[in-house]
Amino acid sequence: MTKADIVNEISRSTGLEKSAVLTTIEKFMETVKESMANGENVYLRGFGSFIVKTRKEKTARNISKNTTIIIPEHKVPAFKPAKTFIEDVK
C-alpha cells in the first residue's frame, strides 16, 4: 500500500478532501522525523513506537580490497509494533 492508497482510503471512509488528508499525513510524517532526529521516541498507543536505536562501533571487512574498516557508533530509526498490532497481523 502506498501513501496515495492510504490517502484515498482515508478520504473515502471519512468524507474529507484528499488534499486535506494528504496534508495531515505529510505533517504527521514530518513531525515523527523531526522528533526522531532530535533523539525523541514517538509512542502511539495501540499501534507502536518509533524509536531511535544506537548501534555500537564495530569492525567490518571490505572483501574486494581485503581490508578491515571501523564502522563508528551511529543511530538508526526503528519501529516496534504494539502487542495488539502484532496480534492483528497474525
N, C-alpha and C. Protein backbone atom coordinates (compact mmCIF):
# COMPACT_ATOMS: atom_id res chain seq x y z
N MET A 1 0.85 -1.17 0.00
CA MET A 1 0.00 0.00 0.00
C MET A 1 0.90 1.24 0.00
N THR A 2 0.61 2.17 -0.88
CA THR A 2 1.40 3.39 -1.00
C THR A 2 0.72 4.52 -0.23
N LYS A 3 1.43 5.65 -0.13
CA LYS A 3 0.87 6.81 0.55
C LYS A 3 -0.40 7.27 -0.17
N ALA A 4 -0.40 7.22 -1.48
CA ALA A 4 -1.58 7.61 -2.25
C ALA A 4 -2.77 6.70 -1.94
N ASP A 5 -2.51 5.40 -1.80
CA ASP A 5 -3.57 4.47 -1.43
C ASP A 5 -4.14 4.78 -0.05
N ILE A 6 -3.26 5.12 0.87
CA ILE A 6 -3.71 5.47 2.23
C ILE A 6 -4.56 6.73 2.18
N VAL A 7 -4.12 7.74 1.44
CA VAL A 7 -4.88 8.98 1.31
C VAL A 7 -6.26 8.69 0.72
N ASN A 8 -6.31 7.90 -0.34
CA ASN A 8 -7.60 7.56 -0.97
C ASN A 8 -8.52 6.84 0.00
N GLU A 9 -7.99 5.88 0.75
CA GLU A 9 -8.81 5.11 1.69
C GLU A 9 -9.35 5.98 2.82
N ILE A 10 -8.50 6.83 3.40
CA ILE A 10 -8.96 7.72 4.47
C ILE A 10 -9.97 8.71 3.94
N SER A 11 -9.73 9.26 2.77
CA SER A 11 -10.65 10.22 2.16
C SER A 11 -12.00 9.58 1.90
N ARG A 12 -11.97 8.36 1.38
CA ARG A 12 -13.22 7.66 1.08
C ARG A 12 -14.01 7.33 2.35
N SER A 13 -13.31 6.86 3.38
CA SER A 13 -14.01 6.42 4.59
C SER A 13 -14.45 7.57 5.50
N THR A 14 -13.77 8.73 5.43
CA THR A 14 -14.14 9.85 6.30
C THR A 14 -14.92 10.94 5.59
N GLY A 15 -14.84 11.00 4.27
CA GLY A 15 -15.51 12.05 3.53
C GLY A 15 -14.71 13.34 3.45
N LEU A 16 -13.48 13.34 3.96
CA LEU A 16 -12.62 14.52 3.87
C LEU A 16 -12.00 14.61 2.49
N GLU A 17 -11.61 15.82 2.11
CA GLU A 17 -10.96 16.02 0.81
C GLU A 17 -9.58 15.38 0.82
N LYS A 18 -9.17 14.87 -0.33
CA LYS A 18 -7.87 14.21 -0.44
C LYS A 18 -6.73 15.16 -0.09
N SER A 19 -6.84 16.43 -0.49
CA SER A 19 -5.77 17.38 -0.21
C SER A 19 -5.59 17.59 1.29
N ALA A 20 -6.69 17.62 2.04
CA ALA A 20 -6.61 17.79 3.50
C ALA A 20 -5.99 16.56 4.15
N VAL A 21 -6.37 15.39 3.68
CA VAL A 21 -5.82 14.14 4.22
C VAL A 21 -4.32 14.05 3.91
N LEU A 22 -3.93 14.40 2.68
CA LEU A 22 -2.53 14.36 2.29
C LEU A 22 -1.70 15.32 3.14
N THR A 23 -2.21 16.51 3.37
CA THR A 23 -1.51 17.50 4.19
C THR A 23 -1.32 16.98 5.62
N THR A 24 -2.35 16.35 6.16
CA THR A 24 -2.28 15.80 7.51
C THR A 24 -1.25 14.69 7.60
N ILE A 25 -1.26 13.79 6.64
CA ILE A 25 -0.30 12.67 6.64
C ILE A 25 1.13 13.19 6.49
N GLU A 26 1.33 14.15 5.59
CA GLU A 26 2.65 14.73 5.38
C GLU A 26 3.16 15.38 6.67
N LYS A 27 2.30 16.12 7.35
CA LYS A 27 2.69 16.80 8.60
C LYS A 27 2.99 15.77 9.69
N PHE A 28 2.22 14.68 9.75
CA PHE A 28 2.48 13.62 10.72
C PHE A 28 3.86 13.03 10.50
N MET A 29 4.18 12.69 9.25
CA MET A 29 5.48 12.09 8.94
C MET A 29 6.61 13.07 9.24
N GLU A 30 6.42 14.33 8.92
CA GLU A 30 7.43 15.35 9.19
C GLU A 30 7.68 15.49 10.70
N THR A 31 6.60 15.47 11.48
CA THR A 31 6.72 15.60 12.94
C THR A 31 7.45 14.40 13.52
N VAL A 32 7.14 13.19 13.05
CA VAL A 32 7.82 11.99 13.53
C VAL A 32 9.31 12.06 13.18
N LYS A 33 9.64 12.45 11.96
CA LYS A 33 11.04 12.54 11.55
C LYS A 33 11.81 13.57 12.37
N GLU A 34 11.19 14.73 12.60
CA GLU A 34 11.85 15.78 13.39
C GLU A 34 12.08 15.32 14.82
N SER A 35 11.08 14.67 15.41
CA SER A 35 11.22 14.19 16.78
C SER A 35 12.35 13.17 16.89
N MET A 36 12.39 12.25 15.94
CA MET A 36 13.43 11.22 15.98
C MET A 36 14.80 11.80 15.70
N ALA A 37 14.88 12.80 14.83
CA ALA A 37 16.16 13.46 14.55
C ALA A 37 16.69 14.16 15.80
N ASN A 38 15.78 14.59 16.68
CA ASN A 38 16.17 15.23 17.93
C ASN A 38 16.39 14.22 19.05
N GLY A 39 16.32 12.93 18.73
CA GLY A 39 16.57 11.88 19.71
C GLY A 39 15.37 11.50 20.54
N GLU A 40 14.19 11.99 20.19
CA GLU A 40 12.97 11.67 20.93
C GLU A 40 12.25 10.49 20.28
N ASN A 41 11.73 9.60 21.10
CA ASN A 41 10.92 8.49 20.60
C ASN A 41 9.48 8.94 20.47
N VAL A 42 8.73 8.31 19.57
CA VAL A 42 7.32 8.63 19.35
C VAL A 42 6.49 7.39 19.69
N TYR A 43 5.57 7.54 20.63
CA TYR A 43 4.75 6.41 21.09
C TYR A 43 3.30 6.62 20.67
N LEU A 44 2.75 5.64 19.95
CA LEU A 44 1.35 5.67 19.54
C LEU A 44 0.67 4.46 20.15
N ARG A 45 -0.06 4.69 21.24
CA ARG A 45 -0.69 3.59 21.99
C ARG A 45 -1.59 2.77 21.08
N GLY A 46 -1.43 1.45 21.13
CA GLY A 46 -2.23 0.55 20.33
C GLY A 46 -1.71 0.35 18.92
N PHE A 47 -0.71 1.12 18.53
CA PHE A 47 -0.13 0.99 17.19
C PHE A 47 1.32 0.56 17.27
N GLY A 48 2.15 1.37 17.94
CA GLY A 48 3.56 1.03 18.08
C GLY A 48 4.39 2.22 18.44
N SER A 49 5.70 2.03 18.44
CA SER A 49 6.63 3.08 18.82
C SER A 49 7.68 3.26 17.72
N PHE A 50 7.94 4.50 17.38
CA PHE A 50 9.04 4.85 16.50
C PHE A 50 10.18 5.22 17.44
N ILE A 51 11.25 4.41 17.44
CA ILE A 51 12.32 4.62 18.40
C ILE A 51 13.65 4.83 17.69
N VAL A 52 14.58 5.46 18.40
CA VAL A 52 15.93 5.68 17.90
C VAL A 52 16.84 4.68 18.61
N LYS A 53 17.47 3.80 17.84
CA LYS A 53 18.39 2.82 18.40
C LYS A 53 19.82 3.26 18.13
N THR A 54 20.70 2.93 19.05
CA THR A 54 22.12 3.23 18.88
C THR A 54 22.86 1.95 18.55
N ARG A 55 23.52 1.94 17.42
CA ARG A 55 24.33 0.79 17.02
C ARG A 55 25.76 1.05 17.49
N LYS A 56 26.35 0.07 18.14
CA LYS A 56 27.71 0.22 18.66
C LYS A 56 28.73 0.18 17.53
N GLU A 57 29.91 0.69 17.83
CA GLU A 57 31.01 0.65 16.88
C GLU A 57 31.36 -0.81 16.59
N LYS A 58 31.70 -1.11 15.33
CA LYS A 58 32.06 -2.48 15.00
C LYS A 58 33.10 -2.50 13.89
N THR A 59 33.74 -3.64 13.76
CA THR A 59 34.73 -3.84 12.72
C THR A 59 34.08 -4.63 11.59
N ALA A 60 34.27 -4.17 10.37
CA ALA A 60 33.72 -4.84 9.19
C ALA A 60 34.85 -5.10 8.20
N ARG A 61 34.55 -5.91 7.21
CA ARG A 61 35.56 -6.23 6.21
C ARG A 61 35.11 -5.78 4.83
N ASN A 62 36.04 -5.21 4.08
CA ASN A 62 35.83 -4.90 2.67
C ASN A 62 36.45 -6.06 1.91
N ILE A 63 35.59 -6.95 1.44
CA ILE A 63 36.07 -8.20 0.83
C ILE A 63 36.85 -7.94 -0.45
N SER A 64 36.42 -6.96 -1.24
CA SER A 64 37.09 -6.73 -2.53
C SER A 64 38.52 -6.23 -2.35
N LYS A 65 38.78 -5.45 -1.30
CA LYS A 65 40.14 -4.94 -1.05
C LYS A 65 40.85 -5.73 0.04
N ASN A 66 40.14 -6.66 0.68
CA ASN A 66 40.69 -7.47 1.76
C ASN A 66 41.25 -6.60 2.88
N THR A 67 40.46 -5.63 3.30
CA THR A 67 40.85 -4.75 4.40
C THR A 67 39.74 -4.71 5.44
N THR A 68 40.10 -4.27 6.62
CA THR A 68 39.09 -4.09 7.66
C THR A 68 38.84 -2.60 7.84
N ILE A 69 37.61 -2.29 8.17
CA ILE A 69 37.25 -0.90 8.43
C ILE A 69 36.47 -0.84 9.74
N ILE A 70 36.52 0.31 10.36
CA ILE A 70 35.79 0.54 11.60
C ILE A 70 34.53 1.33 11.26
N ILE A 71 33.38 0.77 11.62
CA ILE A 71 32.11 1.49 11.45
C ILE A 71 31.81 2.15 12.79
N PRO A 72 31.77 3.47 12.85
CA PRO A 72 31.58 4.15 14.12
C PRO A 72 30.17 3.94 14.68
N GLU A 73 30.03 4.21 15.98
CA GLU A 73 28.71 4.13 16.61
C GLU A 73 27.78 5.13 15.91
N HIS A 74 26.54 4.70 15.64
CA HIS A 74 25.60 5.58 14.97
C HIS A 74 24.17 5.24 15.39
N LYS A 75 23.25 6.13 15.10
CA LYS A 75 21.85 5.94 15.47
C LYS A 75 21.04 5.58 14.23
N VAL A 76 20.06 4.70 14.43
CA VAL A 76 19.19 4.28 13.34
C VAL A 76 17.73 4.33 13.81
N PRO A 77 16.82 4.71 12.92
CA PRO A 77 15.40 4.69 13.30
C PRO A 77 14.86 3.26 13.26
N ALA A 78 13.88 2.99 14.12
CA ALA A 78 13.28 1.66 14.16
C ALA A 78 11.81 1.80 14.55
N PHE A 79 11.03 0.78 14.20
CA PHE A 79 9.62 0.73 14.58
C PHE A 79 9.38 -0.53 15.38
N LYS A 80 8.74 -0.38 16.53
CA LYS A 80 8.39 -1.53 17.36
C LYS A 80 6.88 -1.56 17.46
N PRO A 81 6.22 -2.55 16.85
CA PRO A 81 4.76 -2.62 16.88
C PRO A 81 4.24 -2.96 18.28
N ALA A 82 3.04 -2.47 18.58
CA ALA A 82 2.38 -2.78 19.84
C ALA A 82 1.90 -4.23 19.81
N LYS A 83 1.66 -4.80 21.00
CA LYS A 83 1.20 -6.19 21.09
C LYS A 83 -0.10 -6.40 20.32
N THR A 84 -1.04 -5.44 20.41
CA THR A 84 -2.31 -5.59 19.70
C THR A 84 -2.08 -5.54 18.19
N PHE A 85 -1.13 -4.74 17.75
CA PHE A 85 -0.79 -4.66 16.33
C PHE A 85 -0.28 -6.01 15.85
N ILE A 86 0.62 -6.62 16.62
CA ILE A 86 1.18 -7.92 16.25
C ILE A 86 0.08 -8.98 16.20
N GLU A 87 -0.80 -8.96 17.18
CA GLU A 87 -1.88 -9.96 17.23
C GLU A 87 -2.82 -9.81 16.02
N ASP A 88 -3.11 -8.57 15.62
CA ASP A 88 -3.98 -8.35 14.48
C ASP A 88 -3.36 -8.83 13.18
N VAL A 89 -2.03 -8.71 13.06
CA VAL A 89 -1.35 -9.13 11.85
C VAL A 89 -1.26 -10.65 11.77
N LYS A 90 -1.11 -11.30 12.92
CA LYS A 90 -1.04 -12.76 12.93
C LYS A 90 -2.34 -13.29 12.45
